[in-house]
Amino acid sequence: MSKPLSLPFDPIARADELWSRRWGTAPAMAAITSVMRAHQILLAEVDAVVKPYGLTFARYEALVLLTFSRAGELPMSKIGERLMVHPTSVTNTVDRLQRAGLVARRPNPNDGRGTLASITEKGRQVCDAATHDLMAMDFGLGAYDAEGCADIFDLLRPLRVAARDFETRDLEARD
């Protein structure tokens, strides 16, 4: 995949100017377009790093989540909840990880209808190697220092609160 040539101008700033002339000022349009473009850039960079491991960023996130659990396993429903994705996406992700030998499944003894996904030793090794490579490239955010990354987190948090990603009492406990 070749990278497109750089434009001699910022197309989002230009769109903002043209938008303002036609429909009036809308700072949210330039902001959302910038966020969406940043998402495209970051996802492409991160996916390029994890691809040699047979992963996408979504599969990598699932492996990381399993390494965070005490027993290295979680119910499929809990994986979807924590990654904030639809159950179908979790099934697809775990299916692919299982085919690669990175995750195993077993019935959940605490829920007769549920399934547990468990990270394998190979999954741990792949997760550790991919994490090393992602950290080496600052998860695609090398243009920012630690303070800038914290600013991005803080800037986007109210959006996540408004979307009810988590209970706001969690914010009060951390602040």
Protein backbone atom coordinates (compact mmCIF):
# COMPACT_ATOMS: atom_id res chain seq x y z
CA MET A 1 0.00 0.00 0.00
CA SER A 2 1.58 3.26 -1.09
CA LYS A 3 1.11 6.44 0.85
CA PRO A 4 -0.70 9.23 -1.03
CA LEU A 5 1.31 12.31 -1.90
CA SER A 6 1.13 15.15 0.58
CA LEU A 7 -1.13 17.97 -0.45
CA PRO A 8 0.26 21.52 -0.59
CA PHE A 9 -2.49 22.61 1.84
CA ASP A 10 -4.47 21.24 4.79
CA PRO A 11 -7.65 19.82 3.21
CA ILE A 12 -9.52 19.87 6.52
CA ALA A 13 -8.70 23.56 7.11
CA ARG A 14 -9.76 24.28 3.52
CA ALA A 15 -13.03 22.38 4.01
CA ASP A 16 -13.61 24.39 7.20
CA GLU A 17 -13.17 27.66 5.28
CA LEU A 18 -15.49 26.55 2.50
CA TRP A 19 -18.03 25.19 4.97
CA SER A 20 -18.06 28.50 6.84
CA ARG A 21 -18.70 30.43 3.63
CA ARG A 22 -21.55 28.17 2.58
CA TRP A 23 -23.31 27.22 5.82
CA GLY A 24 -21.69 29.30 8.54
CA THR A 25 -19.09 28.54 11.16
CA ALA A 26 -19.15 24.97 12.47
CA PRO A 27 -16.03 24.19 14.52
CA ALA A 28 -17.46 20.73 15.22
CA MET A 29 -17.19 19.84 11.50
CA ALA A 30 -13.44 20.52 11.40
CA ALA A 31 -12.98 18.77 14.74
CA ILE A 32 -14.84 15.58 13.74
CA THR A 33 -13.08 15.46 10.38
CA SER A 34 -9.71 15.80 12.15
CA VAL A 35 -10.59 13.07 14.64
CA MET A 36 -11.73 10.73 11.87
CA ARG A 37 -8.56 11.37 9.84
CA ALA A 38 -6.41 10.84 12.93
CA HIS A 39 -8.23 7.54 13.49
CA GLN A 40 -7.42 6.44 9.92
CA ILE A 41 -3.75 7.37 10.32
CA LEU A 42 -3.34 5.69 13.71
CA LEU A 43 -5.21 2.53 12.77
CA ALA A 44 -3.10 2.11 9.61
CA GLU A 45 0.15 2.60 11.54
CA VAL A 46 -0.81 0.30 14.40
CA ASP A 47 -2.24 -2.39 12.12
CA ALA A 48 1.01 -2.34 10.09
CA VAL A 49 2.94 -3.12 13.29
CA VAL A 50 0.69 -5.98 14.46
CA LYS A 51 0.09 -7.49 11.00
CA PRO A 52 3.33 -9.55 11.03
CA TYR A 53 1.95 -11.27 14.15
CA GLY A 54 -1.25 -12.20 12.29
CA LEU A 55 -3.19 -9.61 14.28
CA THR A 56 -5.34 -6.57 13.77
CA PHE A 57 -5.51 -3.96 16.48
CA ALA A 58 -8.89 -5.35 17.57
CA ARG A 59 -7.40 -8.83 18.02
CA TYR A 60 -4.41 -7.37 19.81
CA GLU A 61 -6.75 -5.54 22.22
CA ALA A 62 -8.52 -8.82 23.00
CA LEU A 63 -5.21 -10.53 23.78
CA VAL A 64 -4.14 -7.66 26.02
CA LEU A 65 -7.46 -7.80 27.85
CA LEU A 66 -6.97 -11.52 28.51
CA THR A 67 -3.47 -10.90 29.86
CA PHE A 68 -4.94 -8.36 32.28
CA SER A 69 -7.31 -10.93 33.78
CA ARG A 70 -6.08 -12.87 36.81
CA ALA A 71 -6.58 -16.31 35.27
CA GLY A 72 -5.86 -15.31 31.67
CA GLU A 73 -9.46 -15.97 30.71
CA LEU A 74 -12.74 -14.10 30.56
CA PRO A 75 -16.32 -14.81 29.55
CA MET A 76 -17.01 -13.78 25.97
CA SER A 77 -19.69 -11.38 27.23
CA LYS A 78 -17.15 -9.67 29.51
CA ILE A 79 -14.71 -9.27 26.61
CA GLY A 80 -17.39 -7.49 24.57
CA GLU A 81 -18.32 -5.30 27.51
CA ARG A 82 -14.73 -4.28 28.25
CA LEU A 83 -13.79 -3.70 24.61
CA MET A 84 -17.16 -1.97 24.02
CA VAL A 85 -17.99 -4.04 20.95
CA HIS A 86 -20.98 -6.06 19.78
CA PRO A 87 -21.10 -9.77 20.73
CA THR A 88 -20.78 -10.73 17.04
CA SER A 89 -17.49 -8.83 16.85
CA VAL A 90 -16.20 -10.66 19.93
CA THR A 91 -17.11 -14.01 18.42
CA ASN A 92 -15.35 -13.13 15.17
CA THR A 93 -12.26 -11.85 16.99
CA VAL A 94 -12.00 -14.89 19.27
CA ASP A 95 -12.64 -17.26 16.32
CA ARG A 96 -9.65 -15.81 14.49
CA LEU A 97 -7.45 -15.82 17.58
CA GLN A 98 -8.43 -19.44 18.24
CA ARG A 99 -7.60 -20.49 14.66
CA ALA A 100 -4.17 -18.90 15.13
CA GLY A 101 -3.61 -20.84 18.36
CA LEU A 102 -3.51 -17.66 20.46
CA VAL A 103 -6.73 -18.30 22.38
CA ALA A 104 -8.63 -21.39 23.51
CA ARG A 105 -12.29 -21.71 24.46
CA ARG A 106 -14.04 -23.75 27.09
CA PRO A 107 -17.49 -23.82 28.65
CA ASN A 108 -17.94 -21.38 31.50
CA PRO A 109 -18.47 -23.47 34.66
CA ASN A 110 -20.30 -20.54 36.28
CA ASP A 111 -22.69 -20.05 33.35
CA GLY A 112 -24.08 -23.11 31.59
CA ARG A 113 -24.66 -21.20 28.37
CA GLY A 114 -21.51 -19.10 28.43
CA THR A 115 -18.03 -19.60 27.03
CA LEU A 116 -14.67 -18.59 28.41
CA ALA A 117 -11.85 -17.41 26.14
CA SER A 118 -8.37 -18.20 27.49
CA ILE A 119 -5.07 -16.86 26.23
CA THR A 120 -2.57 -19.58 25.31
CA GLU A 121 1.17 -19.49 25.94
CA LYS A 122 1.65 -18.71 22.24
CA GLY A 123 -0.91 -15.90 22.64
CA ARG A 124 1.07 -14.45 25.54
CA GLN A 125 4.29 -14.55 23.52
CA VAL A 126 2.66 -12.88 20.50
CA CYS A 127 1.00 -10.28 22.73
CA ASP A 128 4.30 -9.44 24.45
CA ALA A 129 6.19 -9.15 21.15
CA ALA A 130 3.49 -7.00 19.53
CA THR A 131 3.33 -4.82 22.65
CA HIS A 132 7.09 -4.28 22.52
CA ASP A 133 6.84 -3.14 18.88
CA LEU A 134 3.83 -0.90 19.54
CA MET A 135 5.54 0.75 22.49
CA ALA A 136 8.66 1.30 20.37
CA MET A 137 6.57 3.34 17.92
CA ASP A 138 4.57 5.07 20.67
CA PHE A 139 1.34 3.51 19.36
CA GLY A 140 1.57 5.89 16.40
CA LEU A 141 1.55 8.95 18.64
CA GLY A 142 5.26 9.77 18.39
CA ALA A 143 4.41 13.33 17.34
CA TYR A 144 3.29 13.93 20.95
CA ASP A 145 5.18 13.83 24.22
CA ALA A 146 3.73 12.27 27.40
CA GLU A 147 1.98 15.53 28.31
CA GLY A 148 0.45 15.81 24.84
CA CYS A 149 -0.85 12.23 25.08
CA ALA A 150 -2.37 13.03 28.48
CA ASP A 151 -3.96 16.14 26.95
CA ILE A 152 -5.52 14.04 24.18
CA PHE A 153 -6.90 11.62 26.77
CA ASP A 154 -8.33 14.50 28.83
CA LEU A 155 -9.74 16.23 25.75
CA LEU A 156 -11.63 13.13 24.59
CA ARG A 157 -12.84 11.97 28.01
CA PRO A 158 -15.91 14.26 28.18
CA LEU A 159 -17.07 12.78 24.87
CA ARG A 160 -16.77 9.29 26.36
CA VAL A 161 -18.60 10.41 29.50
CA ALA A 162 -21.40 11.88 27.39
CA ALA A 163 -21.62 8.56 25.51
CA ARG A 164 -21.95 6.81 28.90
CA ASP A 165 -18.89 4.61 28.30
CA PHE A 166 -18.56 4.29 32.08
CA GLU A 167 -20.13 5.52 35.27
CA THR A 168 -19.00 9.01 36.16
CA ARG A 169 -18.49 8.06 39.80
CA ASP A 170 -15.35 6.37 38.41
CA LEU A 171 -14.13 9.87 37.53
CA GLU A 172 -14.73 11.16 41.02
CA ALA A 173 -12.83 8.23 42.55
CA ARG A 174 -9.77 8.94 40.35
CA ASP A 175 -9.69 12.74 40.54
